[in-house]
Amino acid sequence: MMKYFFTLIIGCLALSLHAQNKAFHADEKLTFTAGYSMSGIMTDFAQITMETSTVKTKSATLLRLKCKATTYSKWDNYFKIRDLYESYVSPSNITPYLYKREIDEGGYYKFVKYNFNHKSKTVKSLIRKKSKKSESGFWDTNNTVKIKSETRDIVSTLYYLRTLDIKKASPGDSDTFNVLFDNKETKMSFTYVKKETISTAIGKKECYKLKISAAGTDALKGGDNFLWLTADENKIPVYAKFKIAVGSGELKIKSASGLKN
């Protein structure tokens, strides 16, 4: 179920494809509690952390966007999760250059790496899975995937959302974004619903409420999939709720530090 988790909290209300990042910088850390409905009771089972840091290469200084999901120890025997998502992006416009995803869920392992070439509109993709038939214990699949100019990975899409000028949106405004997931471009639709004040672990927050849907995937079910971003300059995600094929879940912010504004 966690392999869909970041797909579910990706939202992008595409009011401007040339937004500049004024919402976050390096050394920000957001911590969340992930809940899942078990027999009709919402149960907290994992912690999600989202951290930013600076990475210098020979030719540029990039932002590393790191997202990690870990089940609480009491749930490890039931379904142990150790997932890591990373995107290396331009600090100004959140254009991704390198993306890595490593999931380890209940014994299932998968590693994905994307190298973005925006000039040729292609991504060099590596997908690695466990294999008993290989001497190394893994099976690698390499591909070159054609993408659209605005396509992003899951993590950079979520952070890019925070750079947009959502305050100019009106209820009902909607758009579609392309997210590359498992070598396929998924069309995610996002609709601005309204402003709403909700109580969170970091206080009462006026938020932008966004409705999320996805075409051609079982990651989202029905229409009850929403994301709340604070209606301030930081636009941090503080709450999300969603339905998937095997149940429903929620994401609640636990703490926030190193905010830019």
C-alpha atoms as a PDB file:
ATOM      1  CA  MET A   1       0.000   0.000   0.000  1.00  0.00           C
ATOM      2  CA  MET A   2       2.856   2.433   0.720  1.00  0.00           C
ATOM      3  CA  LYS A   3       4.169   2.193  -2.843  1.00  0.00           C
ATOM      4  CA  TYR A   4       1.170   4.347  -3.803  1.00  0.00           C
ATOM      5  CA  PHE A   5       1.539   6.740  -0.900  1.00  0.00           C
ATOM      6  CA  PHE A   6       3.493   9.552  -2.497  1.00  0.00           C
ATOM      7  CA  THR A   7       1.401   9.254  -5.632  1.00  0.00           C
ATOM      8  CA  LEU A   8      -1.606  10.052  -3.506  1.00  0.00           C
ATOM      9  CA  ILE A   9      -0.189  13.215  -1.960  1.00  0.00           C
ATOM     10  CA  ILE A  10       1.110  14.589  -5.241  1.00  0.00           C
ATOM     11  CA  GLY A  11      -0.988  17.526  -6.294  1.00  0.00           C
ATOM     12  CA  CYS A  12      -0.344  20.317  -8.731  1.00  0.00           C
ATOM     13  CA  LEU A  13      -2.721  23.178  -9.549  1.00  0.00           C
ATOM     14  CA  ALA A  14      -0.919  24.372 -12.676  1.00  0.00           C
ATOM     15  CA  LEU A  15      -1.605  28.082 -12.642  1.00  0.00           C
ATOM     16  CA  SER A  16       1.815  28.895 -14.044  1.00  0.00           C
ATOM     17  CA  LEU A  17       4.424  26.576 -15.541  1.00  0.00           C
ATOM     18  CA  HIS A  18       7.142  29.131 -14.833  1.00  0.00           C
ATOM     19  CA  ALA A  19       6.713  29.571 -11.094  1.00  0.00           C
ATOM     20  CA  GLN A  20       9.784  30.505  -9.096  1.00  0.00           C
ATOM     21  CA  ASN A  21      10.509  28.895  -5.763  1.00  0.00           C
ATOM     22  CA  LYS A  22       9.792  31.294  -2.898  1.00  0.00           C
ATOM     23  CA  ALA A  23       8.230  28.670  -0.624  1.00  0.00           C
ATOM     24  CA  PHE A  24      11.120  26.575   0.711  1.00  0.00           C
ATOM     25  CA  HIS A  25      14.910  26.284   0.888  1.00  0.00           C
ATOM     26  CA  ALA A  26      17.548  23.866   2.135  1.00  0.00           C
ATOM     27  CA  ASP A  27      17.340  22.460   5.676  1.00  0.00           C
ATOM     28  CA  GLU A  28      13.553  22.320   5.846  1.00  0.00           C
ATOM     29  CA  LYS A  29      12.148  19.235   7.597  1.00  0.00           C
ATOM     30  CA  LEU A  30       8.514  18.122   7.693  1.00  0.00           C
ATOM     31  CA  THR A  31       7.402  15.081   9.686  1.00  0.00           C
ATOM     32  CA  PHE A  32       4.065  13.312   9.212  1.00  0.00           C
ATOM     33  CA  THR A  33       2.079  10.455  10.675  1.00  0.00           C
ATOM     34  CA  ALA A  34       0.548   8.061   8.148  1.00  0.00           C
ATOM     35  CA  GLY A  35      -2.713   6.365   9.044  1.00  0.00           C
ATOM     36  CA  TYR A  36      -4.512   3.451   7.419  1.00  0.00           C
ATOM     37  CA  SER A  37      -8.070   2.278   7.959  1.00  0.00           C
ATOM     38  CA  MET A  38      -8.070  -1.211   9.479  1.00  0.00           C
ATOM     39  CA  SER A  39     -11.536  -2.744  10.020  1.00  0.00           C
ATOM     40  CA  GLY A  40     -13.012   0.736   9.816  1.00  0.00           C
ATOM     41  CA  ILE A  41     -10.647   2.213  12.422  1.00  0.00           C
ATOM     42  CA  MET A  42      -7.968   4.694  11.310  1.00  0.00           C
ATOM     43  CA  THR A  43      -4.667   3.478  12.795  1.00  0.00           C
ATOM     44  CA  ASP A  44      -1.325   5.319  12.748  1.00  0.00           C
ATOM     45  CA  PHE A  45       1.252   2.894  11.375  1.00  0.00           C
ATOM     46  CA  ALA A  46       4.154   4.860   9.841  1.00  0.00           C
ATOM     47  CA  GLN A  47       6.178   8.043   9.948  1.00  0.00           C
ATOM     48  CA  ILE A  48       6.933  10.105   6.838  1.00  0.00           C
ATOM     49  CA  THR A  49       9.765  12.642   6.735  1.00  0.00           C
ATOM     50  CA  MET A  50      10.412  15.195   4.001  1.00  0.00           C
ATOM     51  CA  GLU A  51      13.774  16.983   4.084  1.00  0.00           C
ATOM     52  CA  THR A  52      15.631  19.401   1.812  1.00  0.00           C
ATOM     53  CA  SER A  53      19.389  19.917   1.539  1.00  0.00           C
ATOM     54  CA  THR A  54      21.950  21.455  -0.801  1.00  0.00           C
ATOM     55  CA  VAL A  55      24.055  19.284  -3.114  1.00  0.00           C
ATOM     56  CA  LYS A  56      26.925  20.748  -5.152  1.00  0.00           C
ATOM     57  CA  THR A  57      28.031  19.163  -8.422  1.00  0.00           C
ATOM     58  CA  LYS A  58      30.791  20.200 -10.829  1.00  0.00           C
ATOM     59  CA  SER A  59      28.385  22.327 -12.833  1.00  0.00           C
ATOM     60  CA  ALA A  60      25.539  23.338 -10.513  1.00  0.00           C
ATOM     61  CA  THR A  61      24.114  23.582  -7.022  1.00  0.00           C
ATOM     62  CA  LEU A  62      20.979  21.474  -6.634  1.00  0.00           C
ATOM     63  CA  LEU A  63      18.337  20.883  -3.996  1.00  0.00           C
ATOM     64  CA  ARG A  64      17.986  17.342  -2.727  1.00  0.00           C
ATOM     65  CA  LEU A  65      14.380  16.540  -1.876  1.00  0.00           C
ATOM     66  CA  LYS A  66      14.350  13.473   0.343  1.00  0.00           C
ATOM     67  CA  CYS A  67      11.203  11.629   1.434  1.00  0.00           C
ATOM     68  CA  LYS A  68      11.348   8.621   3.728  1.00  0.00           C
ATOM     69  CA  ALA A  69       8.597   6.288   4.979  1.00  0.00           C
ATOM     70  CA  THR A  70       9.145   3.976   7.955  1.00  0.00           C
ATOM     71  CA  THR A  71       6.619   1.842   9.802  1.00  0.00           C
ATOM     72  CA  TYR A  72       6.503   2.181  13.565  1.00  0.00           C
ATOM     73  CA  SER A  73       8.350  -0.724  15.190  1.00  0.00           C
ATOM     74  CA  LYS A  74       5.185  -2.389  16.509  1.00  0.00           C
ATOM     75  CA  TRP A  75       3.983  -2.824  12.917  1.00  0.00           C
ATOM     76  CA  ASP A  76       7.242  -4.181  11.468  1.00  0.00           C
ATOM     77  CA  ASN A  77       6.288  -7.805  12.086  1.00  0.00           C
ATOM     78  CA  TYR A  78       2.959  -7.232  10.366  1.00  0.00           C
ATOM     79  CA  PHE A  79       4.187  -5.280   7.315  1.00  0.00           C
ATOM     80  CA  LYS A  80       7.632  -3.694   7.512  1.00  0.00           C
ATOM     81  CA  ILE A  81       8.164  -0.619   5.300  1.00  0.00           C
ATOM     82  CA  ARG A  82      11.436   1.152   4.574  1.00  0.00           C
ATOM     83  CA  ASP A  83      10.880   3.424   1.553  1.00  0.00           C
ATOM     84  CA  LEU A  84      13.122   6.201   0.264  1.00  0.00           C
ATOM     85  CA  TYR A  85      12.315   8.730  -2.473  1.00  0.00           C
ATOM     86  CA  GLU A  86      14.832  11.368  -3.626  1.00  0.00           C
ATOM     87  CA  SER A  87      14.738  14.038  -6.304  1.00  0.00           C
ATOM     88  CA  TYR A  88      17.621  16.357  -7.229  1.00  0.00           C
ATOM     89  CA  VAL A  89      16.246  19.587  -8.671  1.00  0.00           C
ATOM     90  CA  SER A  90      16.973  23.162  -9.655  1.00  0.00           C
ATOM     91  CA  PRO A  91      16.476  25.336  -6.525  1.00  0.00           C
ATOM     92  CA  SER A  92      14.676  28.036  -8.522  1.00  0.00           C
ATOM     93  CA  ASN A  93      12.131  26.201 -10.698  1.00  0.00           C
ATOM     94  CA  ILE A  94      12.235  22.644  -9.208  1.00  0.00           C
ATOM     95  CA  THR A  95      13.148  21.042 -12.541  1.00  0.00           C
ATOM     96  CA  PRO A  96      14.289  17.462 -11.773  1.00  0.00           C
ATOM     97  CA  TYR A  97      17.624  16.093 -13.030  1.00  0.00           C
ATOM     98  CA  LEU A  98      17.940  12.877 -11.029  1.00  0.00           C
ATOM     99  CA  TYR A  99      15.311  10.817  -9.228  1.00  0.00           C
ATOM    100  CA  LYS A 100      15.733   7.720  -7.059  1.00  0.00           C
ATOM    101  CA  ARG A 101      13.129   5.495  -5.468  1.00  0.00           C
ATOM    102  CA  GLU A 102      13.941   2.532  -3.239  1.00  0.00           C
ATOM    103  CA  ILE A 103      11.073   0.590  -1.709  1.00  0.00           C
ATOM    104  CA  ASP A 104      11.286  -2.297   0.734  1.00  0.00           C
ATOM    105  CA  GLU A 105       7.799  -3.368   1.772  1.00  0.00           C
ATOM    106  CA  GLY A 106       7.028  -6.664   3.462  1.00  0.00           C
ATOM    107  CA  GLY A 107       9.905  -8.399   1.666  1.00  0.00           C
ATOM    108  CA  TYR A 108       9.181  -6.809  -1.722  1.00  0.00           C
ATOM    109  CA  TYR A 109      12.137  -4.767  -3.028  1.00  0.00           C
ATOM    110  CA  LYS A 110      12.382  -2.357  -5.946  1.00  0.00           C
ATOM    111  CA  PHE A 111      14.855   0.355  -6.953  1.00  0.00           C
ATOM    112  CA  VAL A 112      14.173   2.982  -9.621  1.00  0.00           C
ATOM    113  CA  LYS A 113      16.524   5.643 -10.998  1.00  0.00           C
ATOM    114  CA  TYR A 114      15.661   8.333 -13.558  1.00  0.00           C
ATOM    115  CA  ASN A 115      18.201  10.584 -15.288  1.00  0.00           C
ATOM    116  CA  PHE A 116      16.289  13.447 -16.917  1.00  0.00           C
ATOM    117  CA  ASN A 117      17.447  14.990 -20.209  1.00  0.00           C
ATOM    118  CA  HIS A 118      15.136  17.947 -20.715  1.00  0.00           C
ATOM    119  CA  LYS A 119      16.732  18.991 -23.998  1.00  0.00           C
ATOM    120  CA  SER A 120      15.881  15.685 -25.681  1.00  0.00           C
ATOM    121  CA  LYS A 121      12.720  15.159 -23.584  1.00  0.00           C
ATOM    122  CA  THR A 122      13.898  11.725 -22.492  1.00  0.00           C
ATOM    123  CA  VAL A 123      14.615   9.882 -19.261  1.00  0.00           C
ATOM    124  CA  LYS A 124      17.192   7.134 -18.870  1.00  0.00           C
ATOM    125  CA  SER A 125      15.519   4.654 -16.566  1.00  0.00           C
ATOM    126  CA  LEU A 126      16.922   1.871 -14.397  1.00  0.00           C
ATOM    127  CA  ILE A 127      14.549  -0.484 -12.571  1.00  0.00           C
ATOM    128  CA  ARG A 128      16.080  -3.107 -10.289  1.00  0.00           C
ATOM    129  CA  LYS A 129      14.204  -5.980  -8.651  1.00  0.00           C
ATOM    130  CA  LYS A 130      15.219  -9.048  -6.687  1.00  0.00           C
ATOM    131  CA  SER A 131      15.759 -12.162  -8.794  1.00  0.00           C
ATOM    132  CA  LYS A 132      16.684 -15.707  -7.755  1.00  0.00           C
ATOM    133  CA  LYS A 133      17.854 -16.371 -11.329  1.00  0.00           C
ATOM    134  CA  SER A 134      20.620 -13.754 -11.208  1.00  0.00           C
ATOM    135  CA  GLU A 135      24.034 -14.342  -9.601  1.00  0.00           C
ATOM    136  CA  SER A 136      23.922 -10.869  -8.081  1.00  0.00           C
ATOM    137  CA  GLY A 137      20.461 -11.492  -6.671  1.00  0.00           C
ATOM    138  CA  PHE A 138      18.965  -8.659  -8.721  1.00  0.00           C
ATOM    139  CA  TRP A 139      17.523  -8.135 -12.183  1.00  0.00           C
ATOM    140  CA  ASP A 140      18.142  -4.783 -13.896  1.00  0.00           C
ATOM    141  CA  THR A 141      15.995  -3.302 -16.660  1.00  0.00           C
ATOM    142  CA  ASN A 142      17.289  -0.266 -18.558  1.00  0.00           C
ATOM    143  CA  ASN A 143      15.116   1.883 -20.806  1.00  0.00           C
ATOM    144  CA  THR A 144      14.963   5.297 -22.428  1.00  0.00           C
ATOM    145  CA  VAL A 145      11.538   6.852 -21.895  1.00  0.00           C
ATOM    146  CA  LYS A 146      10.115   9.718 -23.937  1.00  0.00           C
ATOM    147  CA  ILE A 147       8.486  12.404 -21.801  1.00  0.00           C
ATOM    148  CA  LYS A 148       6.652  15.688 -22.265  1.00  0.00           C
ATOM    149  CA  SER A 149       8.495  18.908 -21.492  1.00  0.00           C
ATOM    150  CA  GLU A 150       6.629  19.504 -18.211  1.00  0.00           C
ATOM    151  CA  THR A 151       6.819  15.920 -16.872  1.00  0.00           C
ATOM    152  CA  ARG A 152       8.257  15.509 -13.374  1.00  0.00           C
ATOM    153  CA  ASP A 153       8.811  12.713 -10.893  1.00  0.00           C
ATOM    154  CA  ILE A 154       6.530  12.289  -7.892  1.00  0.00           C
ATOM    155  CA  VAL A 155       8.646  14.100  -5.309  1.00  0.00           C
ATOM    156  CA  SER A 156       9.550  17.150  -7.412  1.00  0.00           C
ATOM    157  CA  THR A 157       5.882  17.490  -8.398  1.00  0.00           C
ATOM    158  CA  LEU A 158       4.794  17.749  -4.785  1.00  0.00           C
ATOM    159  CA  TYR A 159       7.417  20.377  -4.017  1.00  0.00           C
ATOM    160  CA  TYR A 160       6.704  22.239  -7.266  1.00  0.00           C
ATOM    161  CA  LEU A 161       3.091  22.573  -6.189  1.00  0.00           C
ATOM    162  CA  ARG A 162       4.246  24.714  -3.286  1.00  0.00           C
ATOM    163  CA  THR A 163       5.845  27.269  -5.624  1.00  0.00           C
ATOM    164  CA  LEU A 164       2.606  28.058  -7.462  1.00  0.00           C
ATOM    165  CA  ASP A 165       0.512  31.174  -6.857  1.00  0.00           C
ATOM    166  CA  ILE A 166      -2.576  29.311  -5.679  1.00  0.00           C
ATOM    167  CA  LYS A 167      -4.082  32.409  -4.068  1.00  0.00           C
ATOM    168  CA  LYS A 168      -5.049  33.573  -7.564  1.00  0.00           C
ATOM    169  CA  ALA A 169      -7.165  30.443  -8.145  1.00  0.00           C
ATOM    170  CA  SER A 170     -10.954  30.359  -7.920  1.00  0.00           C
ATOM    171  CA  PRO A 171     -12.962  27.381  -6.622  1.00  0.00           C
ATOM    172  CA  GLY A 172     -13.373  24.884  -9.453  1.00  0.00           C
ATOM    173  CA  ASP A 173     -10.155  25.857 -11.264  1.00  0.00           C
ATOM    174  CA  SER A 174      -8.554  22.652 -12.474  1.00  0.00           C
ATOM    175  CA  ASP A 175      -5.611  21.396 -14.505  1.00  0.00           C
ATOM    176  CA  THR A 176      -3.717  18.222 -15.349  1.00  0.00           C
ATOM    177  CA  PHE A 177      -0.076  17.383 -14.699  1.00  0.00           C
ATOM    178  CA  ASN A 178       2.191  14.621 -15.990  1.00  0.00           C
ATOM    179  CA  VAL A 179       4.011  12.500 -13.402  1.00  0.00           C
ATOM    180  CA  LEU A 180       6.482   9.778 -14.425  1.00  0.00           C
ATOM    181  CA  PHE A 181       5.880   6.673 -12.312  1.00  0.00           C
ATOM    182  CA  ASP A 182       7.193   3.186 -13.138  1.00  0.00           C
ATOM    183  CA  ASN A 183       8.222   4.405 -16.617  1.00  0.00           C
ATOM    184  CA  LYS A 184       4.709   5.615 -17.439  1.00  0.00           C
ATOM    185  CA  GLU A 185       3.387   9.153 -17.564  1.00  0.00           C
ATOM    186  CA  THR A 186       0.361   9.366 -15.299  1.00  0.00           C
ATOM    187  CA  LYS A 187      -2.074  12.243 -15.786  1.00  0.00           C
ATOM    188  CA  MET A 188      -2.966  13.707 -12.421  1.00  0.00           C
ATOM    189  CA  SER A 189      -5.873  16.148 -12.265  1.00  0.00           C
ATOM    190  CA  PHE A 190      -6.066  18.739  -9.515  1.00  0.00           C
ATOM    191  CA  THR A 191      -8.936  21.014  -8.614  1.00  0.00           C
ATOM    192  CA  TYR A 192      -8.929  23.915  -6.190  1.00  0.00           C
ATOM    193  CA  VAL A 193     -11.920  23.418  -3.878  1.00  0.00           C
ATOM    194  CA  LYS A 194     -11.806  26.252  -1.339  1.00  0.00           C
ATOM    195  CA  LYS A 195      -9.986  27.754   1.614  1.00  0.00           C
ATOM    196  CA  GLU A 196     -10.563  25.876   4.832  1.00  0.00           C
ATOM    197  CA  THR A 197      -9.208  26.263   8.372  1.00  0.00           C
ATOM    198  CA  ILE A 198      -8.264  22.974  10.030  1.00  0.00           C
ATOM    199  CA  SER A 199      -6.669  21.974  13.334  1.00  0.00           C
ATOM    200  CA  THR A 200      -3.231  20.338  13.090  1.00  0.00           C
ATOM    201  CA  ALA A 201      -0.403  19.321  15.416  1.00  0.00           C
ATOM    202  CA  ILE A 202       1.301  22.630  14.570  1.00  0.00           C
ATOM    203  CA  GLY A 203      -1.808  24.725  15.259  1.00  0.00           C
ATOM    204  CA  LYS A 204      -4.897  25.896  13.412  1.00  0.00           C
ATOM    205  CA  LYS A 205      -4.049  26.570   9.780  1.00  0.00           C
ATOM    206  CA  GLU A 206      -5.953  28.271   6.986  1.00  0.00           C
ATOM    207  CA  CYS A 207      -5.404  25.979   4.003  1.00  0.00           C
ATOM    208  CA  TYR A 208      -5.947  25.563   0.305  1.00  0.00           C
ATOM    209  CA  LYS A 209      -8.019  22.414  -0.146  1.00  0.00           C
ATOM    210  CA  LEU A 210      -7.213  20.535  -3.381  1.00  0.00           C
ATOM    211  CA  LYS A 211      -9.047  17.571  -4.880  1.00  0.00           C
ATOM    212  CA  ILE A 212      -6.840  14.967  -6.589  1.00  0.00           C
ATOM    213  CA  SER A 213      -7.630  12.337  -9.223  1.00  0.00           C
ATOM    214  CA  ALA A 214      -5.581  10.143 -11.557  1.00  0.00           C
ATOM    215  CA  ALA A 215      -6.368   8.652 -14.964  1.00  0.00           C
ATOM    216  CA  GLY A 216      -5.654   5.030 -15.854  1.00  0.00           C
ATOM    217  CA  THR A 217      -4.484   3.882 -12.428  1.00  0.00           C
ATOM    218  CA  ASP A 218      -5.835   2.059  -9.385  1.00  0.00           C
ATOM    219  CA  ALA A 219      -3.806   4.307  -7.071  1.00  0.00           C
ATOM    220  CA  LEU A 220      -6.839   6.497  -6.351  1.00  0.00           C
ATOM    221  CA  LYS A 221     -10.403   5.299  -5.936  1.00  0.00           C
ATOM    222  CA  GLY A 222     -13.597   7.362  -5.886  1.00  0.00           C
ATOM    223  CA  GLY A 223     -13.691  11.117  -5.387  1.00  0.00           C
ATOM    224  CA  ASP A 224     -12.699  11.399  -1.741  1.00  0.00           C
ATOM    225  CA  ASN A 225      -9.014  12.257  -2.293  1.00  0.00           C
ATOM    226  CA  PHE A 226      -7.879  15.622  -0.948  1.00  0.00           C
ATOM    227  CA  LEU A 227      -4.731  17.527  -0.001  1.00  0.00           C
ATOM    228  CA  TRP A 228      -4.544  20.577   2.285  1.00  0.00           C
ATOM    229  CA  LEU A 229      -1.694  23.116   1.889  1.00  0.00           C
ATOM    230  CA  THR A 230      -1.217  26.044   4.258  1.00  0.00           C
ATOM    231  CA  ALA A 231      -2.522  29.266   2.706  1.00  0.00           C
ATOM    232  CA  ASP A 232       0.690  31.176   3.358  1.00  0.00           C
ATOM    233  CA  GLU A 233       4.027  31.677   1.633  1.00  0.00           C
ATOM    234  CA  ASN A 234       5.307  28.239   2.725  1.00  0.00           C
ATOM    235  CA  LYS A 235       2.338  26.248   1.409  1.00  0.00           C
ATOM    236  CA  ILE A 236       3.324  23.156   3.374  1.00  0.00           C
ATOM    237  CA  PRO A 237       1.157  20.015   3.148  1.00  0.00           C
ATOM    238  CA  VAL A 238      -0.496  19.506   6.528  1.00  0.00           C
ATOM    239  CA  TYR A 239      -3.185  16.930   5.812  1.00  0.00           C
ATOM    240  CA  ALA A 240      -4.215  14.470   3.102  1.00  0.00           C
ATOM    241  CA  LYS A 241      -6.864  11.793   2.860  1.00  0.00           C
ATOM    242  CA  PHE A 242      -7.315   9.248   0.111  1.00  0.00           C
ATOM    243  CA  LYS A 243      -8.875   6.001  -1.031  1.00  0.00           C
ATOM    244  CA  ILE A 244      -7.015   3.194  -2.780  1.00  0.00           C
ATOM    245  CA  ALA A 245      -8.042  -0.232  -4.016  1.00  0.00           C
ATOM    246  CA  VAL A 246      -7.388  -1.860  -0.638  1.00  0.00           C
ATOM    247  CA  GLY A 247      -8.765   0.781   1.721  1.00  0.00           C
ATOM    248  CA  SER A 248      -8.344   4.379   2.815  1.00  0.00           C
ATOM    249  CA  GLY A 249      -5.686   6.402   4.566  1.00  0.00           C
ATOM    250  CA  GLU A 250      -4.578   9.794   5.765  1.00  0.00           C
ATOM    251  CA  LEU A 251      -1.453  11.876   6.264  1.00  0.00           C
ATOM    252  CA  LYS A 252      -1.193  14.303   9.212  1.00  0.00           C
ATOM    253  CA  ILE A 253       1.637  16.725   9.873  1.00  0.00           C
ATOM    254  CA  LYS A 254       3.496  16.142  13.128  1.00  0.00           C
ATOM    255  CA  SER A 255       6.188  18.829  13.071  1.00  0.00           C
ATOM    256  CA  ALA A 256       7.795  21.428  10.786  1.00  0.00           C
ATOM    257  CA  SER A 257      11.174  23.134  11.072  1.00  0.00           C
ATOM    258  CA  GLY A 258      13.523  25.198   8.917  1.00  0.00           C
ATOM    259  CA  LEU A 259      10.674  26.938   7.074  1.00  0.00           C
ATOM    260  CA  LYS A 260      11.701  29.663   4.652  1.00  0.00           C
ATOM    261  CA  ASN A 261       8.925  32.143   5.536  1.00  0.00           C
END
